[in-house]
Each structure stands twice: as structure tokens, then as C-alpha cells.
Amino acid sequence: DAGVKVAAVIDSRTGVTARGDYRLIEGGQVI
């Protein structure tokens, strides 16, 4: 909403729904 680019949302859970037009990576972890 503020005009900042979102590269992705990495969510550790599965079965998650994105709340906007951004890339969603389910079941992910930063390593």
C-alpha cells in the first residue's frame, strides 16, 4: 500500500492464503 516492493512472503505453514497480490511460498523456512 505504501508502494514498497514485496519480494515474497515465506510462510512456514501450509494451507495459507495470501492477503494481497504478492508471491507466497508455503511451508518455507529461511536457512
All heavy atoms as atom14 arrays in JSON, in Angstrom:
{
  "sequence": "DAGVKVAAVIDSRTGVTARGDYRLIEGGQVI",
  "atom14_mask": [
    [1, 1, 1, 1, 1, 1, 1, 1, 0, 0, 0, 0, 0, 0],
    [1, 1, 1, 1, 1, 0, 0, 0, 0, 0, 0, 0, 0, 0],
    [1, 1, 1, 1, 0, 0, 0, 0, 0, 0, 0, 0, 0, 0],
    [1, 1, 1, 1, 1, 1, 1, 0, 0, 0, 0, 0, 0, 0],
    [1, 1, 1, 1, 1, 1, 1, 1, 1, 0, 0, 0, 0, 0],
    [1, 1, 1, 1, 1, 1, 1, 0, 0, 0, 0, 0, 0, 0],
    [1, 1, 1, 1, 1, 0, 0, 0, 0, 0, 0, 0, 0, 0],
    [1, 1, 1, 1, 1, 0, 0, 0, 0, 0, 0, 0, 0, 0],
    [1, 1, 1, 1, 1, 1, 1, 0, 0, 0, 0, 0, 0, 0],
    [1, 1, 1, 1, 1, 1, 1, 1, 0, 0, 0, 0, 0, 0],
    [1, 1, 1, 1, 1, 1, 1, 1, 0, 0, 0, 0, 0, 0],
    [1, 1, 1, 1, 1, 1, 0, 0, 0, 0, 0, 0, 0, 0],
    [1, 1, 1, 1, 1, 1, 1, 1, 1, 1, 1, 0, 0, 0],
    [1, 1, 1, 1, 1, 1, 1, 0, 0, 0, 0, 0, 0, 0],
    [1, 1, 1, 1, 0, 0, 0, 0, 0, 0, 0, 0, 0, 0],
    [1, 1, 1, 1, 1, 1, 1, 0, 0, 0, 0, 0, 0, 0],
    [1, 1, 1, 1, 1, 1, 1, 0, 0, 0, 0, 0, 0, 0],
    [1, 1, 1, 1, 1, 0, 0, 0, 0, 0, 0, 0, 0, 0],
    [1, 1, 1, 1, 1, 1, 1, 1, 1, 1, 1, 0, 0, 0],
    [1, 1, 1, 1, 0, 0, 0, 0, 0, 0, 0, 0, 0, 0],
    [1, 1, 1, 1, 1, 1, 1, 1, 0, 0, 0, 0, 0, 0],
    [1, 1, 1, 1, 1, 1, 1, 1, 1, 1, 1, 1, 0, 0],
    [1, 1, 1, 1, 1, 1, 1, 1, 1, 1, 1, 0, 0, 0],
    [1, 1, 1, 1, 1, 1, 1, 1, 0, 0, 0, 0, 0, 0],
    [1, 1, 1, 1, 1, 1, 1, 1, 0, 0, 0, 0, 0, 0],
    [1, 1, 1, 1, 1, 1, 1, 1, 1, 0, 0, 0, 0, 0],
    [1, 1, 1, 1, 0, 0, 0, 0, 0, 0, 0, 0, 0, 0],
    [1, 1, 1, 1, 0, 0, 0, 0, 0, 0, 0, 0, 0, 0],
    [1, 1, 1, 1, 1, 1, 1, 1, 1, 0, 0, 0, 0, 0],
    [1, 1, 1, 1, 1, 1, 1, 0, 0, 0, 0, 0, 0, 0],
    [1, 1, 1, 1, 1, 1, 1, 1, 0, 0, 0, 0, 0, 0]
  ],
  "atom14_positions": [
    [[0.83, -1.21, 0.0], [0.0, 0.0, 0.0], [0.86, 1.26, 0.0], [0.44, 2.31, -0.5], [-0.92, 0.01, 1.22], [-2.05, -1.0, 1.1], [-2.28, -1.5, -0.03], [-2.69, -1.32, 2.13], [0.0, 0.0, 0.0], [0.0, 0.0, 0.0], [0.0, 0.0, 0.0], [0.0, 0.0, 0.0], [0.0, 0.0, 0.0], [0.0, 0.0, 0.0]],
    [[2.06, 1.17, 0.57], [2.97, 2.32, 0.61], [3.86, 2.4, -0.62], [4.72, 3.29, -0.71], [3.82, 2.25, 1.87], [0.0, 0.0, 0.0], [0.0, 0.0, 0.0], [0.0, 0.0, 0.0], [0.0, 0.0, 0.0], [0.0, 0.0, 0.0], [0.0, 0.0, 0.0], [0.0, 0.0, 0.0], [0.0, 0.0, 0.0], [0.0, 0.0, 0.0]],
    [[3.69, 1.46, -1.55], [4.49, 1.48, -2.77], [5.83, 0.78, -2.67], [6.7, 0.97, -3.53], [0.0, 0.0, 0.0], [0.0, 0.0, 0.0], [0.0, 0.0, 0.0], [0.0, 0.0, 0.0], [0.0, 0.0, 0.0], [0.0, 0.0, 0.0], [0.0, 0.0, 0.0], [0.0, 0.0, 0.0], [0.0, 0.0, 0.0], [0.0, 0.0, 0.0]],
    [[6.03, -0.02, -1.62], [7.28, -0.76, -1.46], [7.12, -2.15, -2.07], [6.11, -2.82, -1.83], [7.67, -0.87, 0.03], [8.96, -1.65, 0.2], [7.81, 0.53, 0.64], [0.0, 0.0, 0.0], [0.0, 0.0, 0.0], [0.0, 0.0, 0.0], [0.0, 0.0, 0.0], [0.0, 0.0, 0.0], [0.0, 0.0, 0.0], [0.0, 0.0, 0.0]],
    [[8.11, -2.6, -2.81], [8.04, -3.91, -3.45], [8.21, -5.02, -2.41], [9.1, -4.95, -1.55], [9.12, -4.04, -4.52], [9.08, -5.37, -5.26], [10.18, -5.45, -6.29], [10.17, -6.82, -6.99], [11.28, -6.93, -7.97], [0.0, 0.0, 0.0], [0.0, 0.0, 0.0], [0.0, 0.0, 0.0], [0.0, 0.0, 0.0], [0.0, 0.0, 0.0]],
    [[7.37, -6.04, -2.5], [7.47, -7.22, -1.65], [8.0, -8.37, -2.49], [7.33, -8.81, -3.44], [6.11, -7.57, -1.01], [6.2, -8.88, -0.23], [5.64, -6.44, -0.08], [0.0, 0.0, 0.0], [0.0, 0.0, 0.0], [0.0, 0.0, 0.0], [0.0, 0.0, 0.0], [0.0, 0.0, 0.0], [0.0, 0.0, 0.0], [0.0, 0.0, 0.0]],
    [[9.19, -8.85, -2.16], [9.8, -9.92, -2.95], [9.02, -11.22, -2.79], [8.75, -11.91, -3.77], [11.25, -10.12, -2.52], [0.0, 0.0, 0.0], [0.0, 0.0, 0.0], [0.0, 0.0, 0.0], [0.0, 0.0, 0.0], [0.0, 0.0, 0.0], [0.0, 0.0, 0.0], [0.0, 0.0, 0.0], [0.0, 0.0, 0.0], [0.0, 0.0, 0.0]],
    [[8.65, -11.56, -1.55], [7.87, -12.77, -1.28], [7.55, -12.83, 0.2], [8.24, -12.21, 1.03], [8.63, -14.02, -1.71], [0.0, 0.0, 0.0], [0.0, 0.0, 0.0], [0.0, 0.0, 0.0], [0.0, 0.0, 0.0], [0.0, 0.0, 0.0], [0.0, 0.0, 0.0], [0.0, 0.0, 0.0], [0.0, 0.0, 0.0], [0.0, 0.0, 0.0]],
    [[6.53, -13.59, 0.54], [6.24, -13.96, 1.91], [6.52, -15.45, 2.04], [5.87, -16.27, 1.38], [4.79, -13.64, 2.3], [4.49, -14.19, 3.7], [4.54, -12.14, 2.26], [0.0, 0.0, 0.0], [0.0, 0.0, 0.0], [0.0, 0.0, 0.0], [0.0, 0.0, 0.0], [0.0, 0.0, 0.0], [0.0, 0.0, 0.0], [0.0, 0.0, 0.0]],
    [[7.49, -15.79, 2.87], [7.84, -17.19, 3.11], [7.15, -17.59, 4.41], [7.52, -17.12, 5.49], [9.36, -17.36, 3.22], [10.04, -16.88, 1.94], [9.73, -18.82, 3.5], [11.55, -16.76, 2.06], [0.0, 0.0, 0.0], [0.0, 0.0, 0.0], [0.0, 0.0, 0.0], [0.0, 0.0, 0.0], [0.0, 0.0, 0.0], [0.0, 0.0, 0.0]],
    [[6.14, -18.44, 4.31], [5.35, -18.85, 5.47], [5.67, -20.3, 5.79], [5.62, -21.16, 4.92], [3.86, -18.67, 5.18], [3.02, -18.63, 6.45], [3.24, -19.5, 7.33], [2.16, -17.75, 6.58], [0.0, 0.0, 0.0], [0.0, 0.0, 0.0], [0.0, 0.0, 0.0], [0.0, 0.0, 0.0], [0.0, 0.0, 0.0], [0.0, 0.0, 0.0]],
    [[6.01, -20.56, 7.06], [6.39, -21.91, 7.46], [5.21, -22.87, 7.44], [5.4, -24.09, 7.49], [7.01, -21.89, 8.86], [6.05, -21.44, 9.82], [0.0, 0.0, 0.0], [0.0, 0.0, 0.0], [0.0, 0.0, 0.0], [0.0, 0.0, 0.0], [0.0, 0.0, 0.0], [0.0, 0.0, 0.0], [0.0, 0.0, 0.0], [0.0, 0.0, 0.0]],
    [[3.98, -22.34, 7.36], [2.78, -23.18, 7.36], [2.35, -23.53, 5.94], [2.77, -22.91, 4.97], [1.64, -22.44, 8.08], [1.98, -21.99, 9.49], [0.96, -20.99, 10.0], [0.9, -19.79, 9.17], [-0.06, -18.88, 9.24], [-1.05, -19.03, 10.1], [-0.03, -17.82, 8.45], [0.0, 0.0, 0.0], [0.0, 0.0, 0.0], [0.0, 0.0, 0.0]],
    [[1.5, -24.53, 5.83], [0.86, -24.86, 4.56], [-0.63, -24.56, 4.66], [-1.17, -24.38, 5.75], [1.07, -26.35, 4.21], [0.57, -27.16, 5.28], [2.56, -26.65, 4.0], [0.0, 0.0, 0.0], [0.0, 0.0, 0.0], [0.0, 0.0, 0.0], [0.0, 0.0, 0.0], [0.0, 0.0, 0.0], [0.0, 0.0, 0.0], [0.0, 0.0, 0.0]],
    [[-1.28, -24.48, 3.53], [-2.69, -24.16, 3.52], [-2.97, -22.71, 3.86], [-4.02, -22.39, 4.42], [0.0, 0.0, 0.0], [0.0, 0.0, 0.0], [0.0, 0.0, 0.0], [0.0, 0.0, 0.0], [0.0, 0.0, 0.0], [0.0, 0.0, 0.0], [0.0, 0.0, 0.0], [0.0, 0.0, 0.0], [0.0, 0.0, 0.0], [0.0, 0.0, 0.0]],
    [[-2.04, -21.83, 3.52], [-2.15, -20.41, 3.83], [-2.65, -19.67, 2.6], [-2.31, -20.02, 1.47], [-0.8, -19.84, 4.28], [-0.93, -18.38, 4.69], [-0.23, -20.67, 5.42], [0.0, 0.0, 0.0], [0.0, 0.0, 0.0], [0.0, 0.0, 0.0], [0.0, 0.0, 0.0], [0.0, 0.0, 0.0], [0.0, 0.0, 0.0], [0.0, 0.0, 0.0]],
    [[-3.45, -18.64, 2.81], [-3.97, -17.82, 1.72], [-3.33, -16.44, 1.78], [-3.28, -15.82, 2.84], [-5.49, -17.67, 1.81], [-6.09, -18.98, 1.81], [-6.04, -16.86, 0.64], [0.0, 0.0, 0.0], [0.0, 0.0, 0.0], [0.0, 0.0, 0.0], [0.0, 0.0, 0.0], [0.0, 0.0, 0.0], [0.0, 0.0, 0.0], [0.0, 0.0, 0.0]],
    [[-2.84, -15.96, 0.62], [-2.27, -14.62, 0.56], [-3.36, -13.57, 0.75], [-4.5, -13.76, 0.33], [-1.55, -14.43, -0.77], [0.0, 0.0, 0.0], [0.0, 0.0, 0.0], [0.0, 0.0, 0.0], [0.0, 0.0, 0.0], [0.0, 0.0, 0.0], [0.0, 0.0, 0.0], [0.0, 0.0, 0.0], [0.0, 0.0, 0.0], [0.0, 0.0, 0.0]],
    [[-2.99, -12.47, 1.38], [-3.94, -11.39, 1.61], [-3.82, -10.28, 0.56], [-4.48, -9.25, 0.69], [-3.73, -10.8, 3.0], [-4.0, -11.78, 4.13], [-3.98, -11.08, 5.47], [-4.3, -11.99, 6.56], [-4.46, -11.61, 7.81], [-4.34, -10.32, 8.13], [-4.75, -12.48, 8.76], [0.0, 0.0, 0.0], [0.0, 0.0, 0.0], [0.0, 0.0, 0.0]],
    [[-2.99, -10.5, -0.42], [-2.8, -9.49, -1.45], [-2.09, -10.08, -2.65], [-1.86, -11.3, -2.73], [0.0, 0.0, 0.0], [0.0, 0.0, 0.0], [0.0, 0.0, 0.0], [0.0, 0.0, 0.0], [0.0, 0.0, 0.0], [0.0, 0.0, 0.0], [0.0, 0.0, 0.0], [0.0, 0.0, 0.0], [0.0, 0.0, 0.0], [0.0, 0.0, 0.0]],
    [[-1.7, -9.21, -3.56], [-1.05, -9.64, -4.79], [0.46, -9.72, -4.58], [1.23, -8.91, -5.1], [-1.4, -8.68, -5.93], [-0.85, -9.15, -7.27], [-0.56, -10.36, -7.39], [-0.69, -8.31, -8.17], [0.0, 0.0, 0.0], [0.0, 0.0, 0.0], [0.0, 0.0, 0.0], [0.0, 0.0, 0.0], [0.0, 0.0, 0.0], [0.0, 0.0, 0.0]],
    [[0.88, -10.68, -3.76], [2.3, -10.89, -3.55], [2.6, -12.38, -3.65], [1.7, -13.22, -3.53], [2.75, -10.36, -2.18], [1.94, -10.86, -1.0], [2.19, -12.09, -0.41], [0.92, -10.07, -0.44], [1.46, -12.55, 0.67], [0.19, -10.51, 0.65], [0.46, -11.75, 1.2], [-0.27, -12.2, 2.27], [0.0, 0.0, 0.0], [0.0, 0.0, 0.0]],
    [[3.86, -12.7, -3.87], [4.28, -14.1, -4.01], [4.27, -14.75, -2.63], [4.86, -14.24, -1.68], [5.67, -14.16, -4.62], [6.19, -15.59, -4.83], [7.62, -15.57, -5.32], [8.18, -16.9, -5.44], [9.46, -17.18, -5.63], [10.34, -16.16, -5.72], [9.88, -18.42, -5.72], [0.0, 0.0, 0.0], [0.0, 0.0, 0.0], [0.0, 0.0, 0.0]],
    [[3.61, -15.89, -2.53], [3.52, -16.63, -1.28], [4.22, -17.97, -1.43], [3.9, -18.74, -2.34], [2.07, -16.84, -0.87], [1.82, -17.72, 0.36], [2.47, -17.11, 1.6], [0.32, -17.94, 0.58], [0.0, 0.0, 0.0], [0.0, 0.0, 0.0], [0.0, 0.0, 0.0], [0.0, 0.0, 0.0], [0.0, 0.0, 0.0], [0.0, 0.0, 0.0]],
    [[5.19, -18.24, -0.54], [5.91, -19.51, -0.54], [5.47, -20.26, 0.72], [5.84, -19.9, 1.84], [7.43, -19.29, -0.55], [7.83, -18.49, -1.79], [8.17, -20.63, -0.49], [9.29, -18.05, -1.79], [0.0, 0.0, 0.0], [0.0, 0.0, 0.0], [0.0, 0.0, 0.0], [0.0, 0.0, 0.0], [0.0, 0.0, 0.0], [0.0, 0.0, 0.0]],
    [[4.66, -21.3, 0.53], [4.13, -22.06, 1.67], [5.12, -23.12, 2.14], [5.91, -23.66, 1.35], [2.82, -22.74, 1.28], [1.7, -21.78, 0.93], [0.42, -22.53, 0.65], [-0.1, -23.17, 1.59], [-0.06, -22.51, -0.5], [0.0, 0.0, 0.0], [0.0, 0.0, 0.0], [0.0, 0.0, 0.0], [0.0, 0.0, 0.0], [0.0, 0.0, 0.0]],
    [[5.05, -23.43, 3.43], [5.91, -24.47, 4.0], [7.38, -24.16, 3.88], [8.2, -25.08, 3.79], [0.0, 0.0, 0.0], [0.0, 0.0, 0.0], [0.0, 0.0, 0.0], [0.0, 0.0, 0.0], [0.0, 0.0, 0.0], [0.0, 0.0, 0.0], [0.0, 0.0, 0.0], [0.0, 0.0, 0.0], [0.0, 0.0, 0.0], [0.0, 0.0, 0.0]],
    [[7.74, -22.89, 3.89], [9.13, -22.49, 3.68], [9.81, -22.04, 4.95], [9.17, -21.62, 5.92], [0.0, 0.0, 0.0], [0.0, 0.0, 0.0], [0.0, 0.0, 0.0], [0.0, 0.0, 0.0], [0.0, 0.0, 0.0], [0.0, 0.0, 0.0], [0.0, 0.0, 0.0], [0.0, 0.0, 0.0], [0.0, 0.0, 0.0], [0.0, 0.0, 0.0]],
    [[11.12, -22.14, 4.94], [11.95, -21.67, 6.05], [13.21, -21.04, 5.49], [13.81, -21.57, 4.54], [12.33, -22.82, 6.99], [11.16, -23.48, 7.69], [11.61, -24.63, 8.58], [12.79, -25.0, 8.61], [10.67, -25.19, 9.33], [0.0, 0.0, 0.0], [0.0, 0.0, 0.0], [0.0, 0.0, 0.0], [0.0, 0.0, 0.0], [0.0, 0.0, 0.0]],
    [[13.63, -19.92, 6.06], [14.88, -19.3, 5.66], [16.03, -20.07, 6.3], [16.04, -20.28, 7.52], [14.92, -17.81, 6.08], [16.27, -17.19, 5.73], [13.79, -17.04, 5.42], [0.0, 0.0, 0.0], [0.0, 0.0, 0.0], [0.0, 0.0, 0.0], [0.0, 0.0, 0.0], [0.0, 0.0, 0.0], [0.0, 0.0, 0.0], [0.0, 0.0, 0.0]],
    [[16.99, -20.48, 5.49], [18.08, -21.31, 6.0], [19.45, -20.67, 5.8], [20.48, -21.27, 6.12], [18.09, -22.71, 5.34], [18.21, -22.59, 3.83], [16.83, -23.48, 5.72], [18.4, -23.94, 3.12], [0.0, 0.0, 0.0], [0.0, 0.0, 0.0], [0.0, 0.0, 0.0], [0.0, 0.0, 0.0], [0.0, 0.0, 0.0], [0.0, 0.0, 0.0]]
  ]
}
